Amino acid sequence: MNKNKLFHPHIFVFSDSASDGNLKLPYYVTKIQKNDLTGNDIEVHLENPYNVEIEGKKGDYKMEHCSNKDFYVSLTFLYDPSISSKPSKTSVTDKKKKDSPHAAIIDESRPQSTLPSKSTKEMDSYWYKIMSNERFADIFFVSSDNVKIPSHRCILYEVSPIIAKIIDETSELPVTINVEEFNAETIKASMDFLYGKIDSIKGKENEIFKFAVKYKIKMLMDACCSFFEESVNPANVCEIIQIAYSNNFEALKQKCLKILVEKKKEIDPSKFADLPKNIISDFFAFF
């Protein structure tokens, strides 16, 4: 028999009460050159499209046996119970099944996920609806215009080390944070961004960036920085370059310096003259 000939394909199924249904691992047997010492002349190849650990190792599992003797094998499997029933890699069988008379059997080992499919936009809207629900708010910002903006500790604790410290040091609920420097519009837009409404900061980036810096909300700072890189021009470069220098945004620094050099005639001389000395120094060194 040819060494690579496929015969007796089977489906091995294992399940766990915590897993998402049964996981199916196809296996097949090939004839190999007989080992005179052990008598083994077949190889059992257990495919592992889910990349679980079999006997302490990831990847496909292979073992040799004697074809004229019954054998029983006990294997250990280690895997995340939440693993999807969808394989994490392309199976070897997928490559062979076109030529295999058992294609229909093997194809059954490729169960498709039955979870509903949602677009990114739909999911963003879904999470925004949940997280912006004021009914379960347990932290409030009081803005400079004396408006209370509700939010959730579980979100702010993860994104802001400053707010996390306030939460840790506060024993009463809900937590109240007085924000004297920012109005309700700025705070609300910042919270909406954290809930997944990415476009909420559009047109308010300057003030929102200051809010993000105060509370060290990095993801909000990065989003504003991306906007600055896209929108910097001769009219606003003197303001944005100071933001870049204050926060060590290197790419933004270089882009601003380039505009200062190439578009100097279009820049307000009074704004240019008010720039810090280190920026002026870098400006002349940039030539």
Protein backbone atom coordinates (compact mmCIF):
# COMPACT_ATOMS: atom_id res chain seq x y z
CA MET A 1 0.00 0.00 0.00
CA ASN A 2 1.27 3.48 -0.88
CA LYS A 3 2.62 5.34 2.16
CA ASN A 4 0.52 8.43 1.53
CA LYS A 5 -2.72 6.67 0.70
CA LEU A 6 -5.62 7.79 2.87
CA PHE A 7 -7.90 5.12 4.32
CA HIS A 8 -10.54 4.75 7.04
CA PRO A 9 -11.15 8.43 7.81
CA HIS A 10 -13.01 9.04 11.08
CA ILE A 11 -14.25 11.94 13.15
CA PHE A 12 -13.10 12.16 16.77
CA VAL A 13 -15.49 14.20 18.93
CA PHE A 14 -14.84 15.56 22.41
CA SER A 15 -16.96 17.90 24.46
CA ASP A 16 -17.03 19.74 27.76
CA SER A 17 -20.02 21.13 29.62
CA ALA A 18 -18.38 24.58 29.60
CA SER A 19 -17.52 24.56 25.92
CA ASP A 20 -19.57 25.87 23.03
CA GLY A 21 -20.77 22.50 21.78
CA ASN A 22 -18.70 19.57 20.57
CA LEU A 23 -15.29 19.97 18.96
CA LYS A 24 -14.62 17.58 16.10
CA LEU A 25 -11.11 16.51 15.17
CA PRO A 26 -10.79 14.46 11.96
CA TYR A 27 -8.20 11.71 11.89
CA TYR A 28 -6.98 9.29 9.31
CA VAL A 29 -4.56 6.39 8.99
CA THR A 30 -1.67 5.88 6.58
CA LYS A 31 0.43 2.83 5.88
CA ILE A 32 4.11 3.31 6.75
CA GLN A 33 7.23 1.21 6.47
CA LYS A 34 7.14 -1.51 9.11
CA ASN A 35 9.39 -1.02 12.13
CA ASP A 36 11.02 -4.40 12.77
CA LEU A 37 11.54 -3.62 16.45
CA THR A 38 8.01 -2.53 17.35
CA GLY A 39 6.01 -4.06 14.55
CA ASN A 40 4.34 -0.71 13.93
CA ASP A 41 3.24 -0.27 10.33
CA ILE A 42 0.50 2.39 10.43
CA GLU A 43 0.40 6.04 11.43
CA VAL A 44 -2.66 7.63 13.01
CA HIS A 45 -2.82 11.37 12.26
CA LEU A 46 -5.20 13.39 14.46
CA GLU A 47 -5.75 16.81 12.93
CA ASN A 48 -5.92 19.79 15.29
CA PRO A 49 -7.57 22.75 13.51
CA TYR A 50 -8.47 24.35 16.88
CA ASN A 51 -4.84 24.40 18.07
CA VAL A 52 -5.72 22.83 21.43
CA GLU A 53 -2.98 21.14 23.46
CA ILE A 54 -2.90 17.37 22.91
CA GLU A 55 -0.64 15.55 25.34
CA GLY A 56 0.91 18.91 26.30
CA LYS A 57 1.70 20.02 22.73
CA LYS A 58 -0.13 22.16 20.18
CA GLY A 59 -0.49 21.22 16.54
CA ASP A 60 -1.52 17.93 14.92
CA TYR A 61 -0.95 14.73 16.90
CA LYS A 62 0.58 11.60 15.31
CA MET A 63 1.22 8.11 16.67
CA GLU A 64 2.37 4.78 15.23
CA HIS A 65 0.78 1.38 15.87
CA CYS A 66 0.67 -2.17 14.65
CA SER A 67 -2.15 -2.80 12.20
CA ASN A 68 -2.89 -6.38 13.28
CA LYS A 69 -3.45 -5.59 16.96
CA ASP A 70 -6.23 -3.78 18.76
CA PHE A 71 -5.06 -0.70 20.61
CA TYR A 72 -6.59 1.82 22.98
CA VAL A 73 -5.10 5.26 23.58
CA SER A 74 -5.87 7.73 26.36
CA LEU A 75 -5.11 11.34 25.40
CA THR A 76 -5.25 14.55 27.42
CA PHE A 77 -6.66 17.74 25.89
CA LEU A 78 -6.08 21.25 27.25
CA TYR A 79 -8.09 24.09 25.73
CA ASP A 80 -10.03 27.24 26.49
CA PRO A 81 -13.66 26.22 27.26
CA SER A 82 -14.88 29.27 25.35
CA ILE A 83 -13.15 28.12 22.16
CA SER A 84 -15.25 28.58 19.06
CA SER A 85 -16.38 25.57 17.11
CA LYS A 86 -14.78 27.19 14.07
CA PRO A 87 -11.24 25.86 13.37
CA SER A 88 -8.39 28.31 13.95
CA LYS A 89 -6.29 27.08 11.02
CA THR A 90 -6.61 25.47 7.65
CA SER A 91 -6.84 21.72 8.03
CA VAL A 92 -4.60 19.30 6.17
CA THR A 93 -7.76 17.46 5.22
CA ASP A 94 -9.07 20.57 3.45
CA LYS A 95 -6.15 20.30 1.06
CA LYS A 96 -6.82 16.63 0.35
CA LYS A 97 -10.59 16.37 0.35
CA LYS A 98 -11.00 17.28 -3.31
CA ASP A 99 -9.19 14.06 -4.20
CA SER A 100 -10.61 11.97 -1.39
CA PRO A 101 -13.62 9.66 -1.82
CA HIS A 102 -14.50 10.50 1.77
CA ALA A 103 -14.81 14.26 1.20
CA ALA A 104 -18.38 14.35 2.44
CA ILE A 105 -17.41 12.68 5.72
CA ILE A 106 -14.46 14.96 6.33
CA ASP A 107 -16.44 18.06 5.47
CA GLU A 108 -18.72 17.31 8.41
CA SER A 109 -15.80 18.04 10.72
CA ARG A 110 -15.89 21.70 9.71
CA PRO A 111 -18.91 23.03 11.60
CA GLN A 112 -19.73 26.66 10.85
CA SER A 113 -20.50 29.18 13.55
CA THR A 114 -24.19 29.90 14.00
CA LEU A 115 -23.60 33.18 15.84
CA PRO A 116 -25.40 36.15 14.27
CA SER A 117 -23.17 38.30 12.09
CA LYS A 118 -23.12 42.04 12.76
CA SER A 119 -21.19 44.77 11.06
CA THR A 120 -18.67 46.83 13.04
CA LYS A 121 -21.00 49.81 12.82
CA GLU A 122 -23.91 47.79 14.22
CA MET A 123 -21.77 46.46 17.07
CA ASP A 124 -20.53 49.97 17.91
CA SER A 125 -24.15 51.14 18.05
CA TYR A 126 -25.08 48.12 20.18
CA TRP A 127 -22.36 48.75 22.79
CA TYR A 128 -22.98 52.49 22.78
CA LYS A 129 -26.63 51.87 23.62
CA ILE A 130 -25.63 49.69 26.58
CA MET A 131 -22.86 51.84 27.97
CA SER A 132 -24.64 55.16 27.60
CA ASN A 133 -27.58 53.89 29.66
CA GLU A 134 -27.78 56.38 32.56
CA ARG A 135 -29.90 54.10 34.73
CA PHE A 136 -26.89 52.18 36.04
CA ALA A 137 -24.41 55.08 36.18
CA ASP A 138 -22.17 54.98 39.26
CA ILE A 139 -19.91 57.96 38.61
CA PHE A 140 -20.79 61.57 37.72
CA PHE A 141 -18.79 64.47 36.37
CA VAL A 142 -19.94 67.96 37.35
CA SER A 143 -18.93 70.31 34.54
CA SER A 144 -17.87 73.97 34.66
CA ASP A 145 -21.40 74.93 33.58
CA ASN A 146 -22.80 72.86 36.51
CA VAL A 147 -24.17 69.95 34.48
CA LYS A 148 -23.96 66.35 35.78
CA ILE A 149 -22.67 63.87 33.20
CA PRO A 150 -23.18 60.21 34.15
CA SER A 151 -20.71 57.44 33.38
CA HIS A 152 -19.51 54.04 34.61
CA ARG A 153 -16.61 53.20 36.92
CA CYS A 154 -15.83 49.93 35.14
CA ILE A 155 -14.96 51.86 31.97
CA LEU A 156 -13.16 54.85 33.45
CA TYR A 157 -11.14 52.71 35.85
CA GLU A 158 -9.55 50.93 32.88
CA VAL A 159 -8.79 53.95 30.70
CA SER A 160 -7.69 56.59 33.22
CA PRO A 161 -5.15 56.05 36.03
CA ILE A 162 -6.16 59.43 37.49
CA ILE A 163 -9.83 58.52 37.73
CA ALA A 164 -8.91 55.01 38.93
CA LYS A 165 -7.11 56.59 41.89
CA ILE A 166 -10.13 58.79 42.66
CA ILE A 167 -12.37 55.71 42.61
CA ASP A 168 -10.02 53.78 44.90
CA GLU A 169 -9.95 56.62 47.41
CA THR A 170 -13.73 57.17 47.42
CA SER A 171 -15.92 55.03 49.65
CA GLU A 172 -19.28 56.53 48.70
CA LEU A 173 -21.34 55.73 45.63
CA PRO A 174 -21.96 57.20 43.19
CA VAL A 175 -18.56 58.82 42.78
CA THR A 176 -18.68 62.54 41.97
CA ILE A 177 -15.84 64.37 40.18
CA ASN A 178 -15.95 68.15 39.90
CA VAL A 179 -14.41 69.28 36.61
CA GLU A 180 -14.05 73.06 36.72
CA GLU A 181 -12.00 73.44 33.52
CA PHE A 182 -14.35 71.75 31.03
CA ASN A 183 -17.95 72.25 29.99
CA ALA A 184 -20.60 69.57 29.65
CA GLU A 185 -20.24 69.34 25.87
CA THR A 186 -16.55 68.43 26.12
CA ILE A 187 -17.06 65.84 28.85
CA LYS A 188 -20.11 64.27 27.17
CA ALA A 189 -18.29 63.97 23.84
CA SER A 190 -15.32 62.35 25.58
CA MET A 191 -17.56 59.79 27.31
CA ASP A 192 -19.37 59.03 24.05
CA PHE A 193 -16.02 58.32 22.40
CA LEU A 194 -15.16 55.85 25.17
CA TYR A 195 -18.52 54.16 24.59
CA GLY A 196 -17.65 53.56 20.94
CA LYS A 197 -19.09 56.64 19.25
CA ILE A 198 -15.81 57.55 17.55
CA ASP A 199 -17.09 60.58 15.65
CA SER A 200 -18.30 62.30 18.85
CA ILE A 201 -15.01 64.22 19.20
CA LYS A 202 -15.10 65.65 15.68
CA GLY A 203 -14.79 69.43 15.76
CA LYS A 204 -14.02 69.44 19.49
CA GLU A 205 -10.55 67.89 19.41
CA ASN A 206 -8.64 70.76 21.05
CA GLU A 207 -10.69 70.86 24.25
CA ILE A 208 -11.16 67.11 24.36
CA PHE A 209 -7.42 66.62 24.04
CA LYS A 210 -6.88 68.83 27.10
CA PHE A 211 -9.47 66.78 28.99
CA ALA A 212 -7.71 63.55 27.92
CA VAL A 213 -4.33 64.92 29.06
CA LYS A 214 -5.70 65.96 32.47
CA TYR A 215 -7.02 62.47 33.15
CA LYS A 216 -4.36 60.60 31.13
CA ILE A 217 -6.85 58.86 28.86
CA LYS A 218 -4.38 57.58 26.29
CA MET A 219 -6.83 56.23 23.71
CA LEU A 220 -8.55 59.62 23.62
CA MET A 221 -5.22 61.44 23.34
CA ASP A 222 -4.16 59.19 20.45
CA ALA A 223 -7.43 59.80 18.62
CA CYS A 224 -7.04 63.56 18.93
CA CYS A 225 -3.38 63.34 17.85
CA SER A 226 -4.43 61.50 14.69
CA PHE A 227 -6.84 64.33 13.95
CA PHE A 228 -4.11 66.93 14.51
CA GLU A 229 -1.81 65.16 12.04
CA GLU A 230 -4.55 65.16 9.41
CA SER A 231 -5.75 68.71 9.95
CA VAL A 232 -2.60 70.73 10.75
CA ASN A 233 -2.19 73.71 8.39
CA PRO A 234 -0.59 77.20 8.37
CA ALA A 235 -3.55 78.65 10.29
CA ASN A 236 -3.35 76.29 13.28
CA VAL A 237 0.23 74.99 13.18
CA CYS A 238 1.49 77.29 15.96
CA GLU A 239 -1.09 75.91 18.36
CA ILE A 240 -0.74 72.26 17.34
CA ILE A 241 3.06 72.22 17.39
CA GLN A 242 2.99 73.22 21.07
CA ILE A 243 0.68 70.27 21.76
CA ALA A 244 3.11 68.00 19.90
CA TYR A 245 6.09 69.22 21.92
CA SER A 246 4.28 69.09 25.27
CA ASN A 247 3.33 65.45 24.72
CA ASN A 248 6.34 64.21 22.71
CA PHE A 249 4.32 63.34 19.61
CA GLU A 250 7.36 62.95 17.36
CA ALA A 251 5.55 62.42 14.05
CA LEU A 252 3.34 65.42 14.72
CA LYS A 253 6.40 67.53 15.66
CA GLN A 254 8.09 66.77 12.37
CA LYS A 255 4.99 67.49 10.32
CA CYS A 256 4.45 70.82 12.08
CA LEU A 257 8.09 71.85 11.66
CA LYS A 258 7.87 71.04 7.97
CA ILE A 259 4.81 73.29 7.61
CA LEU A 260 6.52 76.08 9.55
CA VAL A 261 9.47 75.93 7.15
CA GLU A 262 7.62 75.45 3.88
CA LYS A 263 4.61 77.70 4.61
CA LYS A 264 6.23 80.40 6.76
CA LYS A 265 4.89 83.24 4.62
CA GLU A 266 1.31 82.03 5.28
CA ILE A 267 1.71 81.90 9.07
CA ASP A 268 0.68 84.78 11.35
CA PRO A 269 3.99 86.45 12.37
CA SER A 270 2.70 87.29 15.86
CA LYS A 271 1.80 83.62 16.54
CA PHE A 272 5.18 82.50 15.23
CA ALA A 273 6.99 84.99 17.47
CA ASP A 274 5.13 83.69 20.55
CA LEU A 275 6.36 80.12 20.06
CA PRO A 276 8.63 78.74 22.84
CA LYS A 277 12.38 79.12 22.30
CA ASN A 278 13.00 75.36 21.91
CA ILE A 279 10.52 75.22 19.02
CA ILE A 280 12.08 78.26 17.34
CA SER A 281 15.50 76.62 17.75
CA ASP A 282 14.29 73.40 16.13
CA PHE A 283 12.67 75.44 13.38
CA PHE A 284 16.03 76.92 12.33
CA ALA A 285 17.76 73.55 12.70
CA PHE A 286 15.13 71.99 10.40
CA PHE A 287 16.40 73.84 7.32
